[in-house]
Amino acid sequence: MPLETLSAAHIRVTCDACRTANAEVCGKRDLPLMARTAAVRKFRAAGWGHEPHEYTRTEALGEARGNGLGRWFCPACARSRQP
């Protein structure tokens, strides 16, 4: 599930594998775009796995990684998905 903006300040992600784990970040002092970028960094630092959609253009793939587009996996599911 892509990142979901609940309000201008809250960003939530739900695990695409188990659909039970979720995490939320509050960036009430940031603009929505900056809050989203900070949330992506915080989720990755906490162990959440991110799998961006497949894009044909390199610029679009980089943008998807930075904006959190694509599938997210909780730390437990991300570890089980590692090769």
C-alpha atoms as a PDB file:
ATOM      1  CA  MET A   1       0.000   0.000   0.000  1.00  0.00           C
ATOM      2  CA  PRO A   2       1.509   3.373  -0.898  1.00  0.00           C
ATOM      3  CA  LEU A   3       1.950   5.999   1.763  1.00  0.00           C
ATOM      4  CA  GLU A   4      -1.372   7.441   2.818  1.00  0.00           C
ATOM      5  CA  THR A   5      -1.598  11.064   3.936  1.00  0.00           C
ATOM      6  CA  LEU A   6      -4.166  11.243   6.731  1.00  0.00           C
ATOM      7  CA  SER A   7      -3.942  14.978   7.164  1.00  0.00           C
ATOM      8  CA  ALA A   8      -1.313  17.537   6.327  1.00  0.00           C
ATOM      9  CA  ALA A   9       0.810  16.173   9.149  1.00  0.00           C
ATOM     10  CA  HIS A  10       0.180  12.417   9.593  1.00  0.00           C
ATOM     11  CA  ILE A  11       1.599   9.783   7.238  1.00  0.00           C
ATOM     12  CA  ARG A  12       0.692   6.105   7.690  1.00  0.00           C
ATOM     13  CA  VAL A  13       1.965   2.984   5.976  1.00  0.00           C
ATOM     14  CA  THR A  14       0.417  -0.507   6.145  1.00  0.00           C
ATOM     15  CA  CYS A  15       2.270  -3.744   5.377  1.00  0.00           C
ATOM     16  CA  ASP A  16       1.328  -5.178   1.973  1.00  0.00           C
ATOM     17  CA  ALA A  17       2.168  -8.731   3.024  1.00  0.00           C
ATOM     18  CA  CYS A  18       0.413  -9.240   6.369  1.00  0.00           C
ATOM     19  CA  ARG A  19      -1.970  -6.227   6.218  1.00  0.00           C
ATOM     20  CA  THR A  20      -1.949  -6.048  10.035  1.00  0.00           C
ATOM     21  CA  ALA A  21       1.177  -4.033  10.839  1.00  0.00           C
ATOM     22  CA  ASN A  22       1.157  -0.299  10.322  1.00  0.00           C
ATOM     23  CA  ALA A  23       3.241   2.691  11.331  1.00  0.00           C
ATOM     24  CA  GLU A  24       2.489   6.386  11.480  1.00  0.00           C
ATOM     25  CA  VAL A  25       4.667   9.487  11.481  1.00  0.00           C
ATOM     26  CA  CYS A  26       3.554  12.954  12.495  1.00  0.00           C
ATOM     27  CA  GLY A  27       5.342  15.815  10.760  1.00  0.00           C
ATOM     28  CA  LYS A  28       3.165  18.668  11.944  1.00  0.00           C
ATOM     29  CA  ARG A  29       5.927  21.228  11.607  1.00  0.00           C
ATOM     30  CA  ASP A  30       6.723  20.267   8.007  1.00  0.00           C
ATOM     31  CA  LEU A  31       5.040  20.974   4.711  1.00  0.00           C
ATOM     32  CA  PRO A  32       3.213  17.876   3.379  1.00  0.00           C
ATOM     33  CA  LEU A  33       5.910  17.090   0.786  1.00  0.00           C
ATOM     34  CA  MET A  34       8.716  17.422   3.327  1.00  0.00           C
ATOM     35  CA  ALA A  35       6.751  15.368   5.884  1.00  0.00           C
ATOM     36  CA  ARG A  36       6.345  12.612   3.300  1.00  0.00           C
ATOM     37  CA  THR A  37      10.058  12.571   2.462  1.00  0.00           C
ATOM     38  CA  ALA A  38      10.994  12.510   6.154  1.00  0.00           C
ATOM     39  CA  ALA A  39       8.481   9.707   6.762  1.00  0.00           C
ATOM     40  CA  VAL A  40      10.067   7.556   4.045  1.00  0.00           C
ATOM     41  CA  ARG A  41      13.470   7.952   5.741  1.00  0.00           C
ATOM     42  CA  LYS A  42      12.025   7.170   9.184  1.00  0.00           C
ATOM     43  CA  PHE A  43      10.173   4.063   7.987  1.00  0.00           C
ATOM     44  CA  ARG A  44      13.307   2.722   6.294  1.00  0.00           C
ATOM     45  CA  ALA A  45      15.407   3.454   9.388  1.00  0.00           C
ATOM     46  CA  ALA A  46      12.880   1.518  11.495  1.00  0.00           C
ATOM     47  CA  GLY A  47      13.303  -1.558   9.278  1.00  0.00           C
ATOM     48  CA  TRP A  48      10.332  -1.203   6.946  1.00  0.00           C
ATOM     49  CA  GLY A  49      11.023  -2.574   3.465  1.00  0.00           C
ATOM     50  CA  HIS A  50      10.067  -0.620   0.368  1.00  0.00           C
ATOM     51  CA  GLU A  51       9.547  -2.044  -3.093  1.00  0.00           C
ATOM     52  CA  PRO A  52       8.898   0.748  -5.625  1.00  0.00           C
ATOM     53  CA  HIS A  53       6.732   0.070  -8.644  1.00  0.00           C
ATOM     54  CA  GLU A  54       8.519  -0.879 -11.831  1.00  0.00           C
ATOM     55  CA  TYR A  55       9.020   2.171 -13.987  1.00  0.00           C
ATOM     56  CA  THR A  56      10.506   2.438 -17.452  1.00  0.00           C
ATOM     57  CA  ARG A  57      12.120   5.809 -16.832  1.00  0.00           C
ATOM     58  CA  THR A  58      14.964   6.099 -14.355  1.00  0.00           C
ATOM     59  CA  GLU A  59      13.724   9.497 -13.167  1.00  0.00           C
ATOM     60  CA  ALA A  60      10.324   8.033 -12.298  1.00  0.00           C
ATOM     61  CA  LEU A  61      11.924   5.164 -10.356  1.00  0.00           C
ATOM     62  CA  GLY A  62      14.033   7.612  -8.335  1.00  0.00           C
ATOM     63  CA  GLU A  63      10.954   9.712  -7.646  1.00  0.00           C
ATOM     64  CA  ALA A  64       9.017   6.618  -6.519  1.00  0.00           C
ATOM     65  CA  ARG A  65      11.774   5.721  -4.076  1.00  0.00           C
ATOM     66  CA  GLY A  66      11.898   9.243  -2.667  1.00  0.00           C
ATOM     67  CA  ASN A  67       8.124   9.660  -2.366  1.00  0.00           C
ATOM     68  CA  GLY A  68       7.396   6.175  -1.027  1.00  0.00           C
ATOM     69  CA  LEU A  69       5.317   4.997  -3.968  1.00  0.00           C
ATOM     70  CA  GLY A  70       4.985   1.251  -4.252  1.00  0.00           C
ATOM     71  CA  ARG A  71       4.681  -1.578  -1.746  1.00  0.00           C
ATOM     72  CA  TRP A  72       5.737  -1.398   1.913  1.00  0.00           C
ATOM     73  CA  PHE A  73       6.555  -4.334   4.191  1.00  0.00           C
ATOM     74  CA  CYS A  74       6.778  -4.360   7.991  1.00  0.00           C
ATOM     75  CA  PRO A  75      10.168  -5.312   9.465  1.00  0.00           C
ATOM     76  CA  ALA A  76       9.115  -8.954  10.034  1.00  0.00           C
ATOM     77  CA  CYS A  77       7.783  -9.410   6.504  1.00  0.00           C
ATOM     78  CA  ALA A  78      10.721  -7.490   5.001  1.00  0.00           C
ATOM     79  CA  ARG A  79      13.165  -9.921   6.668  1.00  0.00           C
ATOM     80  CA  SER A  80      11.249 -12.929   5.329  1.00  0.00           C
ATOM     81  CA  ARG A  81      11.261 -11.487   1.798  1.00  0.00           C
ATOM     82  CA  GLN A  82      15.077 -11.150   1.702  1.00  0.00           C
ATOM     83  CA  PRO A  83      16.735 -13.587  -0.736  1.00  0.00           C
END
